Amino acid sequence: MNGFQADILVDVTGETCPIPLIEMRKAVSKAREGQVIEIRGTHRPSKQEIPMAVRSLRLRLLGVEEDRGQWRIFIRKEEAPDAEDDSGRS
């Protein structure tokens, strides 16, 4: 368990590129400052692309988890102090 309470859940399980990235960007644009967004999916390339997009958008990557082929990515809508990944990546 991650300890993050998501304010917005984006479930893109079974979807392939570019849908997970598009849905992540929609959620970020709707979220208020400080809200946590959880993205769930199964498309392996998206597990790599979404954190890269988070860093490029200078948002805060809280964590990436995977269990039995389903991953969960947690993002906080706030500008990160730098573009570094502070999640300890899994």
N, C-alpha and C. Protein backbone atom coordinates (compact mmCIF):
# COMPACT_ATOMS: atom_id res chain seq x y z
N MET A 1 0.84 -1.19 0.00
CA MET A 1 0.00 0.00 0.00
C MET A 1 0.88 1.24 0.00
N ASN A 2 0.41 2.28 -0.65
CA ASN A 2 1.24 3.46 -0.87
C ASN A 2 1.05 4.57 0.12
N GLY A 3 -0.08 4.65 0.78
CA GLY A 3 -0.34 5.73 1.72
C GLY A 3 -0.90 6.99 1.08
N PHE A 4 -1.09 7.01 -0.24
CA PHE A 4 -1.66 8.17 -0.92
C PHE A 4 -3.15 7.98 -1.09
N GLN A 5 -3.92 9.00 -0.78
CA GLN A 5 -5.36 8.99 -1.02
C GLN A 5 -5.61 9.78 -2.28
N ALA A 6 -6.05 9.10 -3.34
CA ALA A 6 -6.26 9.78 -4.62
C ALA A 6 -7.54 10.60 -4.59
N ASP A 7 -7.45 11.80 -5.09
CA ASP A 7 -8.62 12.66 -5.27
C ASP A 7 -9.28 12.35 -6.61
N ILE A 8 -8.46 11.94 -7.58
CA ILE A 8 -8.95 11.64 -8.93
C ILE A 8 -8.36 10.30 -9.34
N LEU A 9 -9.21 9.39 -9.79
CA LEU A 9 -8.77 8.08 -10.28
C LEU A 9 -8.99 8.03 -11.78
N VAL A 10 -7.93 7.64 -12.50
CA VAL A 10 -8.00 7.46 -13.94
C VAL A 10 -7.66 6.00 -14.21
N ASP A 11 -8.65 5.22 -14.65
CA ASP A 11 -8.43 3.81 -14.92
C ASP A 11 -8.35 3.60 -16.43
N VAL A 12 -7.14 3.32 -16.91
CA VAL A 12 -6.93 3.08 -18.34
C VAL A 12 -6.50 1.63 -18.58
N THR A 13 -6.93 0.75 -17.69
CA THR A 13 -6.61 -0.67 -17.82
C THR A 13 -7.09 -1.17 -19.18
N GLY A 14 -6.19 -1.83 -19.89
CA GLY A 14 -6.52 -2.38 -21.20
C GLY A 14 -6.33 -1.42 -22.36
N GLU A 15 -6.12 -0.14 -22.06
CA GLU A 15 -5.92 0.86 -23.11
C GLU A 15 -4.44 0.91 -23.51
N THR A 16 -4.19 1.27 -24.77
CA THR A 16 -2.82 1.41 -25.25
C THR A 16 -2.57 2.86 -25.64
N CYS A 17 -1.31 3.15 -25.94
CA CYS A 17 -0.92 4.51 -26.34
C CYS A 17 -1.75 4.96 -27.53
N PRO A 18 -2.14 6.20 -27.53
CA PRO A 18 -1.79 7.28 -26.60
C PRO A 18 -2.83 7.52 -25.52
N ILE A 19 -3.83 6.65 -25.39
CA ILE A 19 -4.95 6.90 -24.47
C ILE A 19 -4.50 7.14 -23.03
N PRO A 20 -3.64 6.31 -22.42
CA PRO A 20 -3.25 6.58 -21.02
C PRO A 20 -2.64 7.97 -20.82
N LEU A 21 -1.79 8.39 -21.74
CA LEU A 21 -1.17 9.71 -21.62
C LEU A 21 -2.20 10.82 -21.81
N ILE A 22 -3.09 10.66 -22.75
CA ILE A 22 -4.14 11.66 -22.98
C ILE A 22 -5.03 11.78 -21.74
N GLU A 23 -5.44 10.66 -21.18
CA GLU A 23 -6.31 10.68 -20.00
C GLU A 23 -5.58 11.26 -18.79
N MET A 24 -4.28 11.00 -18.65
CA MET A 24 -3.51 11.60 -17.57
C MET A 24 -3.50 13.11 -17.71
N ARG A 25 -3.28 13.60 -18.92
CA ARG A 25 -3.24 15.06 -19.15
C ARG A 25 -4.60 15.69 -18.88
N LYS A 26 -5.68 15.01 -19.25
CA LYS A 26 -7.03 15.53 -18.95
C LYS A 26 -7.24 15.65 -17.45
N ALA A 27 -6.82 14.62 -16.72
CA ALA A 27 -6.99 14.64 -15.26
C ALA A 27 -6.18 15.76 -14.63
N VAL A 28 -4.95 15.95 -15.10
CA VAL A 28 -4.11 17.02 -14.57
C VAL A 28 -4.74 18.38 -14.82
N SER A 29 -5.32 18.56 -16.00
CA SER A 29 -5.92 19.87 -16.30
C SER A 29 -7.17 20.12 -15.46
N LYS A 30 -7.88 19.07 -15.06
CA LYS A 30 -9.08 19.22 -14.22
C LYS A 30 -8.75 19.35 -12.74
N ALA A 31 -7.61 18.80 -12.33
CA ALA A 31 -7.26 18.77 -10.91
C ALA A 31 -6.94 20.16 -10.39
N ARG A 32 -7.22 20.34 -9.11
CA ARG A 32 -6.83 21.57 -8.42
C ARG A 32 -5.44 21.37 -7.83
N GLU A 33 -4.78 22.47 -7.58
CA GLU A 33 -3.45 22.45 -6.97
C GLU A 33 -3.50 21.61 -5.68
N GLY A 34 -2.55 20.69 -5.55
CA GLY A 34 -2.45 19.85 -4.35
C GLY A 34 -3.19 18.54 -4.43
N GLN A 35 -4.06 18.37 -5.42
CA GLN A 35 -4.79 17.11 -5.52
C GLN A 35 -3.90 15.99 -6.03
N VAL A 36 -4.22 14.77 -5.58
CA VAL A 36 -3.49 13.57 -5.98
C VAL A 36 -4.30 12.84 -7.05
N ILE A 37 -3.61 12.48 -8.13
CA ILE A 37 -4.20 11.74 -9.24
C ILE A 37 -3.58 10.35 -9.25
N GLU A 38 -4.42 9.33 -9.30
CA GLU A 38 -3.95 7.96 -9.43
C GLU A 38 -4.32 7.48 -10.82
N ILE A 39 -3.34 6.97 -11.54
CA ILE A 39 -3.58 6.41 -12.86
C ILE A 39 -3.29 4.92 -12.78
N ARG A 40 -4.26 4.10 -13.22
CA ARG A 40 -4.09 2.64 -13.22
C ARG A 40 -4.11 2.14 -14.65
N GLY A 41 -3.23 1.22 -14.95
CA GLY A 41 -3.21 0.68 -16.30
C GLY A 41 -2.41 -0.60 -16.40
N THR A 42 -2.35 -1.12 -17.63
CA THR A 42 -1.64 -2.37 -17.90
C THR A 42 -0.68 -2.26 -19.07
N HIS A 43 -0.73 -1.18 -19.81
CA HIS A 43 0.13 -1.01 -20.99
C HIS A 43 1.53 -0.62 -20.54
N ARG A 44 2.50 -1.55 -20.71
CA ARG A 44 3.85 -1.34 -20.16
C ARG A 44 4.52 -0.07 -20.65
N PRO A 45 4.47 0.26 -21.95
CA PRO A 45 5.13 1.50 -22.36
C PRO A 45 4.56 2.75 -21.67
N SER A 46 3.27 2.75 -21.37
CA SER A 46 2.67 3.90 -20.68
C SER A 46 3.21 4.04 -19.27
N LYS A 47 3.58 2.93 -18.64
CA LYS A 47 4.16 2.98 -17.30
C LYS A 47 5.46 3.78 -17.32
N GLN A 48 6.16 3.77 -18.44
CA GLN A 48 7.39 4.54 -18.59
C GLN A 48 7.10 5.96 -19.08
N GLU A 49 6.15 6.10 -20.01
CA GLU A 49 5.87 7.40 -20.63
C GLU A 49 5.20 8.39 -19.69
N ILE A 50 4.29 7.91 -18.85
CA ILE A 50 3.58 8.83 -17.96
C ILE A 50 4.54 9.50 -16.97
N PRO A 51 5.42 8.77 -16.29
CA PRO A 51 6.37 9.47 -15.42
C PRO A 51 7.26 10.47 -16.16
N MET A 52 7.64 10.14 -17.40
CA MET A 52 8.44 11.09 -18.18
C MET A 52 7.63 12.36 -18.45
N ALA A 53 6.35 12.21 -18.77
CA ALA A 53 5.48 13.37 -19.02
C ALA A 53 5.30 14.18 -17.74
N VAL A 54 5.16 13.50 -16.62
CA VAL A 54 5.01 14.18 -15.33
C VAL A 54 6.22 15.06 -15.06
N ARG A 55 7.41 14.51 -15.29
CA ARG A 55 8.63 15.30 -15.08
C ARG A 55 8.70 16.47 -16.05
N SER A 56 8.33 16.21 -17.30
CA SER A 56 8.38 17.28 -18.31
C SER A 56 7.38 18.39 -18.01
N LEU A 57 6.25 18.04 -17.40
CA LEU A 57 5.24 19.03 -17.01
C LEU A 57 5.59 19.67 -15.66
N ARG A 58 6.66 19.20 -15.05
CA ARG A 58 7.15 19.69 -13.75
C ARG A 58 6.12 19.52 -12.64
N LEU A 59 5.44 18.38 -12.68
CA LEU A 59 4.52 18.00 -11.61
C LEU A 59 5.28 17.09 -10.65
N ARG A 60 4.64 16.71 -9.55
CA ARG A 60 5.32 15.86 -8.58
C ARG A 60 4.87 14.41 -8.76
N LEU A 61 5.85 13.55 -9.05
CA LEU A 61 5.62 12.11 -9.14
C LEU A 61 5.77 11.54 -7.74
N LEU A 62 4.67 11.03 -7.19
CA LEU A 62 4.69 10.53 -5.82
C LEU A 62 5.12 9.08 -5.74
N GLY A 63 4.78 8.30 -6.77
CA GLY A 63 5.16 6.89 -6.72
C GLY A 63 4.64 6.12 -7.91
N VAL A 64 5.31 5.00 -8.16
CA VAL A 64 4.92 4.06 -9.21
C VAL A 64 4.94 2.68 -8.58
N GLU A 65 3.83 1.96 -8.70
CA GLU A 65 3.73 0.61 -8.14
C GLU A 65 3.25 -0.33 -9.23
N GLU A 66 3.62 -1.60 -9.10
CA GLU A 66 3.10 -2.59 -10.04
C GLU A 66 2.84 -3.88 -9.29
N ASP A 67 1.72 -4.52 -9.62
CA ASP A 67 1.35 -5.79 -9.03
C ASP A 67 0.64 -6.63 -10.08
N ARG A 68 1.23 -7.76 -10.40
CA ARG A 68 0.66 -8.71 -11.36
C ARG A 68 0.25 -8.06 -12.68
N GLY A 69 1.13 -7.21 -13.21
CA GLY A 69 0.89 -6.62 -14.52
C GLY A 69 0.06 -5.35 -14.54
N GLN A 70 -0.51 -4.98 -13.39
CA GLN A 70 -1.24 -3.71 -13.34
C GLN A 70 -0.39 -2.71 -12.56
N TRP A 71 -0.20 -1.54 -13.16
CA TRP A 71 0.58 -0.51 -12.49
C TRP A 71 -0.32 0.61 -12.00
N ARG A 72 0.21 1.34 -11.03
CA ARG A 72 -0.47 2.51 -10.47
C ARG A 72 0.57 3.61 -10.36
N ILE A 73 0.22 4.77 -10.87
CA ILE A 73 1.11 5.93 -10.83
C ILE A 73 0.39 7.02 -10.05
N PHE A 74 1.08 7.62 -9.09
CA PHE A 74 0.50 8.67 -8.25
C PHE A 74 1.21 9.99 -8.53
N ILE A 75 0.40 11.00 -8.82
CA ILE A 75 0.91 12.33 -9.18
C ILE A 75 0.22 13.35 -8.29
N ARG A 76 0.96 14.34 -7.84
CA ARG A 76 0.34 15.47 -7.15
C ARG A 76 0.46 16.68 -8.07
N LYS A 77 -0.67 17.39 -8.23
CA LYS A 77 -0.64 18.58 -9.06
C LYS A 77 -0.05 19.71 -8.23
N GLU A 78 1.22 19.87 -8.39
CA GLU A 78 1.97 20.97 -7.81
C GLU A 78 3.29 20.98 -8.54
N GLU A 79 3.83 22.12 -8.71
CA GLU A 79 5.09 22.18 -9.42
C GLU A 79 6.19 21.61 -8.56
N ALA A 80 6.90 20.63 -9.11
CA ALA A 80 8.02 20.03 -8.40
C ALA A 80 9.15 21.06 -8.30
N PRO A 81 9.92 21.04 -7.22
CA PRO A 81 11.01 21.98 -7.08
C PRO A 81 12.07 21.81 -8.15
N ASP A 82 12.17 20.60 -8.68
CA ASP A 82 13.03 20.34 -9.83
C ASP A 82 12.38 19.22 -10.62
N ALA A 83 12.94 18.87 -11.74
CA ALA A 83 12.32 17.87 -12.62
C ALA A 83 12.74 16.46 -12.24
N GLU A 84 13.31 16.28 -11.07
CA GLU A 84 13.78 14.96 -10.65
C GLU A 84 12.62 14.08 -10.19
N ASP A 85 12.78 12.79 -10.36
CA ASP A 85 11.81 11.80 -9.89
C ASP A 85 12.13 11.54 -8.41
N ASP A 86 11.19 11.89 -7.54
CA ASP A 86 11.43 11.70 -6.11
C ASP A 86 10.66 10.51 -5.56
N SER A 87 10.29 9.57 -6.45
CA SER A 87 9.45 8.44 -6.03
C SER A 87 10.24 7.23 -5.62
N GLY A 88 11.52 7.17 -5.94
CA GLY A 88 12.29 5.97 -5.67
C GLY A 88 12.00 4.89 -6.70
N ARG A 89 11.34 5.21 -7.76
CA ARG A 89 10.94 4.34 -8.88
C ARG A 89 10.99 2.86 -8.59
N SER A 90 9.94 2.18 -8.98
CA SER A 90 9.93 0.73 -8.81
C SER A 90 9.92 0.07 -10.15
